[in-house]
Amino acid sequence: MSWKNYKNKVVESRDLIIVPTLMAELTGLSGSGLDVGCGDGDLTNILSKSIQETIYGIDIDKEKIEEARKKNDSNVFIVGDLTRRAISKTGLRFKFAFSNCFLNHLDNPSAMACIDDMRSSLEKDAKVVIIIPHWRRADKNYIKPKHYPWGLTAVPEYGNRQYFRYGEWYCKALTDAG
């Protein structure tokens, strides 16, 4: 199954869980925000309309960024590799940052590099919201799970092995990033 088809399957959970969670956490903040791993910009655009702030979306996929730019011109969409300090290279500073189901696509060193880059681009006292699939869900619902001391990897319906880490791994990565 392709991601495009799978995306249609999960749009309900996005509307029931992801959007309300991000709205609850980000409403009332002022200043520009960052959507880390924004893909086609759907979530970026939904949130920017509700919280009335410009959100910068960044993703490595040029086609997805072009799609995002066509959908909304009030946000800024940037092509960049987050594992190579693409955020901090912009020189922009953000009052908040969020990521929805992005870090599970990166191996551990790449995820840590991304978290560090994001942290270096945040203003003092900025808010960060990271939404990730729970490792138990992946272990139960995805195929070919492989267990490790830090979590597991598994393959969702649409392919591409992903990384599902224990909460302790994220706590350490965030602490190490400052």
N, C-alpha and C. Protein backbone atom coordinates (compact mmCIF):
# COMPACT_ATOMS: atom_id res chain seq x y z
N MET A 1 0.85 -1.18 0.00
CA MET A 1 0.00 0.00 0.00
C MET A 1 0.90 1.24 0.00
N SER A 2 0.56 2.21 -0.80
CA SER A 2 1.34 3.45 -0.87
C SER A 2 0.97 4.36 0.31
N TRP A 3 1.86 5.32 0.61
CA TRP A 3 1.57 6.27 1.67
C TRP A 3 0.33 7.08 1.34
N LYS A 4 0.16 7.45 0.08
CA LYS A 4 -1.00 8.26 -0.31
C LYS A 4 -2.30 7.54 0.07
N ASN A 5 -2.38 6.25 -0.21
CA ASN A 5 -3.57 5.49 0.16
C ASN A 5 -3.66 5.31 1.67
N TYR A 6 -2.54 5.07 2.31
CA TYR A 6 -2.53 4.89 3.76
C TYR A 6 -2.92 6.19 4.47
N LYS A 7 -2.49 7.32 3.92
CA LYS A 7 -2.81 8.62 4.51
C LYS A 7 -4.32 8.79 4.62
N ASN A 8 -5.05 8.36 3.63
CA ASN A 8 -6.51 8.45 3.68
C ASN A 8 -7.09 7.60 4.80
N LYS A 9 -6.42 6.52 5.14
CA LYS A 9 -6.88 5.66 6.23
C LYS A 9 -6.67 6.31 7.60
N VAL A 10 -5.64 7.13 7.73
CA VAL A 10 -5.32 7.70 9.03
C VAL A 10 -5.80 9.14 9.21
N VAL A 11 -6.46 9.70 8.22
CA VAL A 11 -6.90 11.09 8.31
C VAL A 11 -7.87 11.27 9.48
N GLU A 12 -8.68 10.26 9.77
CA GLU A 12 -9.61 10.37 10.89
C GLU A 12 -8.87 10.49 12.21
N SER A 13 -7.83 9.69 12.40
CA SER A 13 -7.07 9.79 13.65
C SER A 13 -6.35 11.13 13.73
N ARG A 14 -5.93 11.66 12.60
CA ARG A 14 -5.32 12.99 12.60
C ARG A 14 -6.31 14.02 13.12
N ASP A 15 -7.54 13.94 12.62
CA ASP A 15 -8.55 14.91 13.00
C ASP A 15 -9.06 14.71 14.44
N LEU A 16 -9.06 13.46 14.91
CA LEU A 16 -9.55 13.17 16.26
C LEU A 16 -8.49 13.28 17.34
N ILE A 17 -7.23 13.02 16.99
CA ILE A 17 -6.18 12.97 18.00
C ILE A 17 -5.10 14.03 17.77
N ILE A 18 -4.49 14.02 16.60
CA ILE A 18 -3.32 14.86 16.34
C ILE A 18 -3.65 16.35 16.38
N VAL A 19 -4.63 16.76 15.57
CA VAL A 19 -4.96 18.19 15.51
C VAL A 19 -5.42 18.72 16.87
N PRO A 20 -6.35 18.04 17.56
CA PRO A 20 -6.74 18.56 18.89
C PRO A 20 -5.58 18.62 19.89
N THR A 21 -4.70 17.64 19.85
CA THR A 21 -3.55 17.64 20.76
C THR A 21 -2.65 18.84 20.47
N LEU A 22 -2.31 19.04 19.20
CA LEU A 22 -1.45 20.16 18.85
C LEU A 22 -2.14 21.49 19.14
N MET A 23 -3.43 21.59 18.88
CA MET A 23 -4.15 22.83 19.16
C MET A 23 -4.12 23.14 20.66
N ALA A 24 -4.34 22.12 21.47
CA ALA A 24 -4.33 22.33 22.93
C ALA A 24 -2.96 22.79 23.40
N GLU A 25 -1.92 22.27 22.81
CA GLU A 25 -0.56 22.60 23.24
C GLU A 25 -0.03 23.91 22.66
N LEU A 26 -0.51 24.30 21.47
CA LEU A 26 0.09 25.45 20.78
C LEU A 26 -0.78 26.70 20.75
N THR A 27 -2.06 26.58 21.01
CA THR A 27 -2.94 27.74 20.98
C THR A 27 -2.49 28.75 22.04
N GLY A 28 -2.49 30.00 21.64
CA GLY A 28 -2.10 31.06 22.56
C GLY A 28 -0.64 31.45 22.46
N LEU A 29 0.16 30.67 21.77
CA LEU A 29 1.56 31.05 21.60
C LEU A 29 1.67 32.11 20.51
N SER A 30 2.61 32.99 20.66
CA SER A 30 2.82 33.99 19.62
C SER A 30 4.24 33.84 19.08
N GLY A 31 4.39 34.14 17.82
CA GLY A 31 5.68 33.99 17.17
C GLY A 31 5.63 32.86 16.17
N SER A 32 6.61 32.81 15.31
CA SER A 32 6.60 31.80 14.25
C SER A 32 6.93 30.42 14.80
N GLY A 33 6.40 29.42 14.10
CA GLY A 33 6.59 28.04 14.51
C GLY A 33 7.26 27.22 13.42
N LEU A 34 7.60 26.00 13.79
CA LEU A 34 8.31 25.09 12.89
C LEU A 34 7.62 23.73 12.90
N ASP A 35 7.29 23.25 11.70
CA ASP A 35 6.76 21.89 11.54
C ASP A 35 7.91 21.04 10.99
N VAL A 36 8.44 20.19 11.85
CA VAL A 36 9.59 19.36 11.50
C VAL A 36 9.11 18.10 10.79
N GLY A 37 9.52 17.94 9.52
CA GLY A 37 9.06 16.81 8.72
C GLY A 37 7.63 17.04 8.25
N CYS A 38 7.38 18.19 7.66
CA CYS A 38 6.01 18.63 7.34
C CYS A 38 5.33 17.87 6.21
N GLY A 39 6.09 17.14 5.40
CA GLY A 39 5.46 16.43 4.29
C GLY A 39 4.77 17.39 3.35
N ASP A 40 3.51 17.09 3.03
CA ASP A 40 2.77 17.92 2.07
C ASP A 40 2.11 19.15 2.70
N GLY A 41 2.39 19.41 3.95
CA GLY A 41 1.95 20.65 4.59
C GLY A 41 0.53 20.69 5.10
N ASP A 42 -0.20 19.59 5.03
CA ASP A 42 -1.60 19.60 5.49
C ASP A 42 -1.72 20.07 6.93
N LEU A 43 -0.95 19.45 7.82
CA LEU A 43 -1.03 19.79 9.23
C LEU A 43 -0.54 21.22 9.48
N THR A 44 0.50 21.62 8.78
CA THR A 44 1.03 22.98 8.90
C THR A 44 -0.08 23.99 8.61
N ASN A 45 -0.80 23.77 7.53
CA ASN A 45 -1.83 24.71 7.11
C ASN A 45 -3.03 24.70 8.05
N ILE A 46 -3.43 23.54 8.53
CA ILE A 46 -4.55 23.46 9.47
C ILE A 46 -4.22 24.26 10.73
N LEU A 47 -3.04 24.05 11.27
CA LEU A 47 -2.68 24.71 12.52
C LEU A 47 -2.47 26.21 12.34
N SER A 48 -1.84 26.62 11.25
CA SER A 48 -1.57 28.06 11.09
C SER A 48 -2.86 28.86 10.97
N LYS A 49 -3.90 28.29 10.39
CA LYS A 49 -5.19 28.98 10.29
C LYS A 49 -5.83 29.15 11.66
N SER A 50 -5.66 28.17 12.51
CA SER A 50 -6.29 28.20 13.83
C SER A 50 -5.52 29.03 14.84
N ILE A 51 -4.21 28.98 14.79
CA ILE A 51 -3.44 29.71 15.80
C ILE A 51 -2.94 31.06 15.29
N GLN A 52 -3.22 31.37 14.04
CA GLN A 52 -2.93 32.68 13.47
C GLN A 52 -1.46 33.07 13.51
N GLU A 53 -0.60 32.12 13.26
CA GLU A 53 0.83 32.39 13.20
C GLU A 53 1.41 31.74 11.95
N THR A 54 2.50 32.31 11.45
CA THR A 54 3.19 31.70 10.33
C THR A 54 3.96 30.48 10.83
N ILE A 55 3.83 29.41 10.10
CA ILE A 55 4.56 28.20 10.43
C ILE A 55 5.47 27.87 9.26
N TYR A 56 6.70 27.57 9.58
CA TYR A 56 7.67 27.13 8.59
C TYR A 56 7.67 25.61 8.60
N GLY A 57 7.45 25.03 7.44
CA GLY A 57 7.50 23.58 7.32
C GLY A 57 8.79 23.18 6.63
N ILE A 58 9.42 22.14 7.13
CA ILE A 58 10.66 21.68 6.52
C ILE A 58 10.59 20.17 6.32
N ASP A 59 11.05 19.73 5.15
CA ASP A 59 11.04 18.31 4.82
C ASP A 59 12.09 18.07 3.73
N ILE A 60 12.60 16.86 3.66
CA ILE A 60 13.61 16.52 2.66
C ILE A 60 13.01 16.23 1.28
N ASP A 61 11.72 15.93 1.24
CA ASP A 61 11.05 15.51 0.00
C ASP A 61 10.63 16.73 -0.83
N LYS A 62 11.35 16.99 -1.92
CA LYS A 62 11.09 18.16 -2.77
C LYS A 62 9.68 18.17 -3.34
N GLU A 63 9.20 17.00 -3.75
CA GLU A 63 7.85 16.93 -4.33
C GLU A 63 6.79 17.28 -3.29
N LYS A 64 6.96 16.79 -2.06
CA LYS A 64 6.00 17.11 -1.00
C LYS A 64 6.03 18.60 -0.67
N ILE A 65 7.21 19.19 -0.67
CA ILE A 65 7.32 20.63 -0.38
C ILE A 65 6.65 21.43 -1.49
N GLU A 66 6.83 21.06 -2.73
CA GLU A 66 6.15 21.75 -3.83
C GLU A 66 4.64 21.64 -3.69
N GLU A 67 4.17 20.46 -3.32
CA GLU A 67 2.74 20.26 -3.07
C GLU A 67 2.26 21.17 -1.94
N ALA A 68 3.04 21.27 -0.89
CA ALA A 68 2.68 22.13 0.25
C ALA A 68 2.62 23.60 -0.17
N ARG A 69 3.57 24.03 -0.97
CA ARG A 69 3.60 25.43 -1.41
C ARG A 69 2.38 25.78 -2.26
N LYS A 70 1.91 24.83 -3.03
CA LYS A 70 0.74 25.07 -3.89
C LYS A 70 -0.54 25.19 -3.07
N LYS A 71 -0.58 24.54 -1.92
CA LYS A 71 -1.79 24.53 -1.09
C LYS A 71 -1.99 25.80 -0.29
N ASN A 72 -0.91 26.48 0.08
CA ASN A 72 -1.04 27.61 0.98
C ASN A 72 0.19 28.50 0.86
N ASP A 73 -0.04 29.77 0.62
CA ASP A 73 1.10 30.67 0.49
C ASP A 73 1.32 31.54 1.73
N SER A 74 0.57 31.30 2.80
CA SER A 74 0.79 32.08 4.02
C SER A 74 1.84 31.44 4.93
N ASN A 75 2.23 30.23 4.62
CA ASN A 75 3.30 29.56 5.35
C ASN A 75 4.52 29.44 4.45
N VAL A 76 5.64 29.11 5.04
CA VAL A 76 6.88 28.99 4.29
C VAL A 76 7.30 27.53 4.35
N PHE A 77 7.58 26.95 3.19
CA PHE A 77 7.97 25.55 3.12
C PHE A 77 9.38 25.46 2.55
N ILE A 78 10.24 24.73 3.26
CA ILE A 78 11.66 24.65 2.94
C ILE A 78 12.05 23.20 2.70
N VAL A 79 12.81 22.97 1.64
CA VAL A 79 13.39 21.66 1.40
C VAL A 79 14.70 21.61 2.17
N GLY A 80 14.86 20.60 3.00
CA GLY A 80 16.10 20.50 3.75
C GLY A 80 16.24 19.17 4.46
N ASP A 81 17.47 18.75 4.61
CA ASP A 81 17.79 17.51 5.31
C ASP A 81 18.05 17.85 6.77
N LEU A 82 17.13 17.45 7.61
CA LEU A 82 17.21 17.80 9.03
C LEU A 82 18.37 17.13 9.73
N THR A 83 18.92 16.09 9.14
CA THR A 83 20.07 15.44 9.77
C THR A 83 21.37 16.17 9.45
N ARG A 84 21.29 17.19 8.61
CA ARG A 84 22.49 17.96 8.22
C ARG A 84 22.34 19.44 8.60
N ARG A 85 21.61 19.68 9.70
CA ARG A 85 21.45 21.01 10.28
C ARG A 85 20.72 21.98 9.35
N ALA A 86 19.77 21.49 8.60
CA ALA A 86 19.02 22.34 7.66
C ALA A 86 18.22 23.43 8.35
N ILE A 87 17.75 23.18 9.55
CA ILE A 87 16.96 24.20 10.25
C ILE A 87 17.87 25.34 10.70
N SER A 88 18.92 25.01 11.42
CA SER A 88 19.78 26.06 11.95
C SER A 88 20.49 26.84 10.84
N LYS A 89 20.71 26.22 9.70
CA LYS A 89 21.35 26.91 8.57
C LYS A 89 20.48 28.04 8.03
N THR A 90 19.16 27.99 8.29
CA THR A 90 18.28 29.08 7.83
C THR A 90 18.51 30.35 8.64
N GLY A 91 19.00 30.21 9.86
CA GLY A 91 19.18 31.36 10.73
C GLY A 91 17.91 31.81 11.41
N LEU A 92 16.81 31.14 11.13
CA LEU A 92 15.53 31.50 11.73
C LEU A 92 15.44 30.99 13.16
N ARG A 93 14.65 31.69 13.97
CA ARG A 93 14.41 31.29 15.36
C ARG A 93 12.89 31.10 15.52
N PHE A 94 12.53 30.12 16.31
CA PHE A 94 11.12 29.76 16.44
C PHE A 94 10.66 29.77 17.89
N LYS A 95 9.41 30.18 18.07
CA LYS A 95 8.80 30.20 19.40
C LYS A 95 8.22 28.83 19.76
N PHE A 96 7.93 28.05 18.74
CA PHE A 96 7.45 26.69 19.00
C PHE A 96 7.82 25.80 17.82
N ALA A 97 7.85 24.51 18.10
CA ALA A 97 8.12 23.51 17.05
C ALA A 97 7.28 22.29 17.36
N PHE A 98 6.89 21.61 16.29
CA PHE A 98 6.15 20.36 16.47
C PHE A 98 6.52 19.39 15.36
N SER A 99 6.27 18.14 15.66
CA SER A 99 6.53 17.08 14.70
C SER A 99 5.50 15.99 14.90
N ASN A 100 4.92 15.53 13.81
CA ASN A 100 3.93 14.47 13.88
C ASN A 100 4.44 13.26 13.11
N CYS A 101 4.71 12.20 13.83
CA CYS A 101 5.09 10.91 13.22
C CYS A 101 6.22 11.06 12.21
N PHE A 102 7.22 11.84 12.57
CA PHE A 102 8.37 12.05 11.69
C PHE A 102 9.60 11.31 12.19
N LEU A 103 9.90 11.42 13.46
CA LEU A 103 11.14 10.86 13.99
C LEU A 103 11.20 9.34 13.88
N ASN A 104 10.05 8.70 13.77
CA ASN A 104 10.07 7.24 13.64
C ASN A 104 10.55 6.80 12.25
N HIS A 105 10.76 7.74 11.33
CA HIS A 105 11.30 7.42 10.01
C HIS A 105 12.83 7.48 9.99
N LEU A 106 13.42 7.93 11.09
CA LEU A 106 14.87 8.14 11.14
C LEU A 106 15.54 7.14 12.07
N ASP A 107 16.74 6.68 11.68
CA ASP A 107 17.50 5.83 12.59
C ASP A 107 17.93 6.67 13.79
N ASN A 108 18.47 6.03 14.82
CA ASN A 108 18.78 6.72 16.06
C ASN A 108 19.75 7.91 15.90
N PRO A 109 20.89 7.74 15.22
CA PRO A 109 21.79 8.91 15.07
C PRO A 109 21.13 10.06 14.30
N SER A 110 20.35 9.73 13.27
CA SER A 110 19.68 10.78 12.49
C SER A 110 18.61 11.48 13.31
N ALA A 111 17.85 10.72 14.09
CA ALA A 111 16.83 11.33 14.95
C ALA A 111 17.47 12.25 15.97
N MET A 112 18.58 11.82 16.55
CA MET A 112 19.28 12.66 17.53
C MET A 112 19.80 13.94 16.88
N ALA A 113 20.33 13.83 15.67
CA ALA A 113 20.82 15.01 14.95
C ALA A 113 19.67 15.97 14.66
N CYS A 114 18.53 15.44 14.29
CA CYS A 114 17.37 16.26 14.01
C CYS A 114 16.90 17.00 15.27
N ILE A 115 16.82 16.28 16.38
CA ILE A 115 16.40 16.89 17.65
C ILE A 115 17.38 18.00 18.04
N ASP A 116 18.66 17.76 17.87
CA ASP A 116 19.66 18.78 18.21
C ASP A 116 19.53 20.00 17.31
N ASP A 117 19.31 19.79 16.02
CA ASP A 117 19.16 20.90 15.09
C ASP A 117 17.91 21.71 15.43
N MET A 118 16.82 21.03 15.73
CA MET A 118 15.58 21.71 16.10
C MET A 118 15.82 22.56 17.35
N ARG A 119 16.44 21.98 18.35
CA ARG A 119 16.70 22.69 19.60
C ARG A 119 17.53 23.96 19.37
N SER A 120 18.50 23.88 18.49
CA SER A 120 19.38 25.03 18.27
C SER A 120 18.68 26.18 17.56
N SER A 121 17.50 25.94 17.02
CA SER A 121 16.76 26.98 16.30
C SER A 121 15.59 27.54 17.09
N LEU A 122 15.47 27.12 18.33
CA LEU A 122 14.36 27.58 19.15
C LEU A 122 14.75 28.78 20.01
N GLU A 123 13.80 29.68 20.20
CA GLU A 123 14.01 30.78 21.12
C GLU A 123 13.99 30.25 22.55
N LYS A 124 14.49 31.05 23.46
CA LYS A 124 14.47 30.67 24.87
C LYS A 124 13.01 30.46 25.29
N ASP A 125 12.75 29.42 26.06
CA ASP A 125 11.42 29.07 26.56
C ASP A 125 10.43 28.68 25.46
N ALA A 126 10.94 28.26 24.32
CA ALA A 126 10.07 27.79 23.24
C ALA A 126 9.41 26.47 23.65
N LYS A 127 8.30 26.19 23.02
CA LYS A 127 7.57 24.96 23.31
C LYS A 127 7.79 23.97 22.17
N VAL A 128 7.97 22.69 22.53
CA VAL A 128 8.17 21.63 21.56
C VAL A 128 7.13 20.54 21.81
N VAL A 129 6.46 20.12 20.75
CA VAL A 129 5.50 19.02 20.84
C VAL A 129 5.90 17.98 19.79
N ILE A 130 6.24 16.80 20.26
CA ILE A 130 6.62 15.71 19.36
C ILE A 130 5.62 14.58 19.53
N ILE A 131 4.95 14.24 18.45
CA ILE A 131 4.00 13.13 18.47
C ILE A 131 4.62 11.96 17.72
N ILE A 132 4.65 10.83 18.37
CA ILE A 132 5.23 9.63 17.77
C ILE A 132 4.31 8.45 18.04
N PRO A 133 4.29 7.48 17.13
CA PRO A 133 3.50 6.27 17.39
C PRO A 133 4.13 5.49 18.55
N HIS A 134 3.29 4.90 19.36
CA HIS A 134 3.78 4.13 20.50
C HIS A 134 4.37 2.81 20.01
N TRP A 135 5.45 2.39 20.63
CA TRP A 135 6.13 1.16 20.22
C TRP A 135 5.21 -0.06 20.37
N ARG A 136 4.32 -0.06 21.35
CA ARG A 136 3.41 -1.21 21.53
C ARG A 136 2.47 -1.36 20.33
N ARG A 137 2.01 -0.23 19.82
CA ARG A 137 1.13 -0.27 18.64
C ARG A 137 1.88 -0.87 17.45
N ALA A 138 3.12 -0.44 17.27
CA ALA A 138 3.92 -0.97 16.16
C ALA A 138 4.18 -2.46 16.35
N ASP A 139 4.49 -2.86 17.57
CA ASP A 139 4.78 -4.27 17.84
C ASP A 139 3.56 -5.15 17.56
N LYS A 140 2.39 -4.62 17.85
CA LYS A 140 1.14 -5.37 17.68
C LYS A 140 0.62 -5.35 16.23
N ASN A 141 0.73 -4.20 15.56
CA ASN A 141 0.06 -4.00 14.27
C ASN A 141 0.95 -4.05 13.04
N TYR A 142 2.25 -3.88 13.21
CA TYR A 142 3.14 -3.84 12.05
C TYR A 142 3.84 -5.18 11.88
N ILE A 143 4.43 -5.36 10.72
CA ILE A 143 5.06 -6.65 10.43
C ILE A 143 6.57 -6.59 10.69
N LYS A 144 7.16 -7.75 10.84
CA LYS A 144 8.60 -7.93 11.01
C LYS A 144 9.19 -7.09 12.14
N PRO A 145 8.59 -7.11 13.33
CA PRO A 145 9.19 -6.34 14.42
C PRO A 145 10.52 -6.95 14.84
N LYS A 146 11.48 -6.08 15.13
CA LYS A 146 12.78 -6.47 15.66
C LYS A 146 13.01 -5.65 16.92
N HIS A 147 13.27 -6.33 18.03
CA HIS A 147 13.41 -5.66 19.32
C HIS A 147 14.86 -5.34 19.62
N TYR A 148 15.06 -4.16 20.25
CA TYR A 148 16.37 -3.67 20.64
C TYR A 148 16.26 -3.10 22.05
N PRO A 149 17.37 -2.84 22.72
CA PRO A 149 17.31 -2.26 24.06
C PRO A 149 16.62 -0.89 24.10
N TRP A 150 16.64 -0.12 23.02
CA TRP A 150 16.06 1.21 22.96
C TRP A 150 14.62 1.24 22.42
N GLY A 151 14.12 0.11 21.91
CA GLY A 151 12.77 0.07 21.33
C GLY A 151 12.68 -1.05 20.31
N LEU A 152 12.07 -0.76 19.16
CA LEU A 152 11.96 -1.76 18.11
C LEU A 152 11.84 -1.10 16.76
N THR A 153 12.08 -1.90 15.73
CA THR A 153 11.79 -1.47 14.37
C THR A 153 10.71 -2.39 13.85
N ALA A 154 9.90 -1.89 12.93
CA ALA A 154 8.83 -2.68 12.33
C ALA A 154 8.45 -2.04 11.01
N VAL A 155 7.69 -2.76 10.22
CA VAL A 155 7.30 -2.29 8.89
C VAL A 155 5.78 -2.08 8.85
N PRO A 156 5.32 -0.84 8.64
CA PRO A 156 3.88 -0.58 8.51
C PRO A 156 3.36 -1.07 7.16
N GLU A 157 2.05 -1.02 6.98
CA GLU A 157 1.41 -1.49 5.74
C GLU A 157 2.01 -0.87 4.49
N TYR A 158 2.37 0.40 4.56
CA TYR A 158 2.85 1.11 3.38
C TYR A 158 4.35 0.95 3.16
N GLY A 159 4.99 0.08 3.95
CA GLY A 159 6.40 -0.23 3.74
C GLY A 159 7.35 0.66 4.50
N ASN A 160 8.63 0.49 4.23
CA ASN A 160 9.70 1.27 4.84
C ASN A 160 9.80 1.06 6.35
N ARG A 161 10.77 0.28 6.74
CA ARG A 161 11.01 -0.01 8.16
C ARG A 161 11.13 1.29 8.94
N GLN A 162 10.48 1.31 10.10
CA GLN A 162 10.49 2.49 10.95
C GLN A 162 11.02 2.14 12.33
N TYR A 163 11.31 3.19 13.12
CA TYR A 163 11.92 3.06 14.44
C TYR A 163 10.92 3.52 15.50
N PHE A 164 10.68 2.67 16.47
CA PHE A 164 9.73 2.98 17.55
C PHE A 164 10.49 2.85 18.87
N ARG A 165 10.80 4.00 19.44
CA ARG A 165 11.68 4.04 20.61
C ARG A 165 10.87 4.14 21.90
N TYR A 166 11.49 3.67 22.97
CA TYR A 166 10.89 3.82 24.29
C TYR A 166 10.99 5.29 24.70
N GLY A 167 10.09 5.69 25.56
CA GLY A 167 10.08 7.07 26.04
C GLY A 167 11.40 7.52 26.63
N GLU A 168 12.09 6.61 27.31
CA GLU A 168 13.37 6.94 27.92
C GLU A 168 14.40 7.39 26.88
N TRP A 169 14.35 6.79 25.69
CA TRP A 169 15.27 7.17 24.62
C TRP A 169 15.04 8.64 24.25
N TYR A 170 13.76 9.02 24.09
CA TYR A 170 13.45 10.41 23.73
C TYR A 170 13.84 11.37 24.85
N CYS A 171 13.60 10.99 26.08
CA CYS A 171 13.98 11.85 27.21
C CYS A 171 15.48 12.10 27.20
N LYS A 172 16.26 11.07 26.98
CA LYS A 172 17.72 11.23 26.93
C LYS A 172 18.13 12.09 25.73
N ALA A 173 17.55 11.84 24.57
CA ALA A 173 17.90 12.63 23.37
C ALA A 173 17.57 14.10 23.57
N LEU A 174 16.43 14.40 24.17
CA LEU A 174 16.05 15.78 24.42
C LEU A 174 16.95 16.42 25.47
N THR A 175 17.30 15.67 26.50
CA THR A 175 18.20 16.18 27.53
C THR A 175 19.58 16.44 26.94
N ASP A 176 20.08 15.52 26.14
CA ASP A 176 21.39 15.68 25.52
C ASP A 176 21.43 16.89 24.58
N ALA A 177 20.28 17.20 23.95
CA ALA A 177 20.21 18.34 23.03
C ALA A 177 20.12 19.66 23.78
N GLY A 178 19.83 19.60 25.06
CA GLY A 178 19.76 20.82 25.86
C GLY A 178 18.36 21.31 26.01
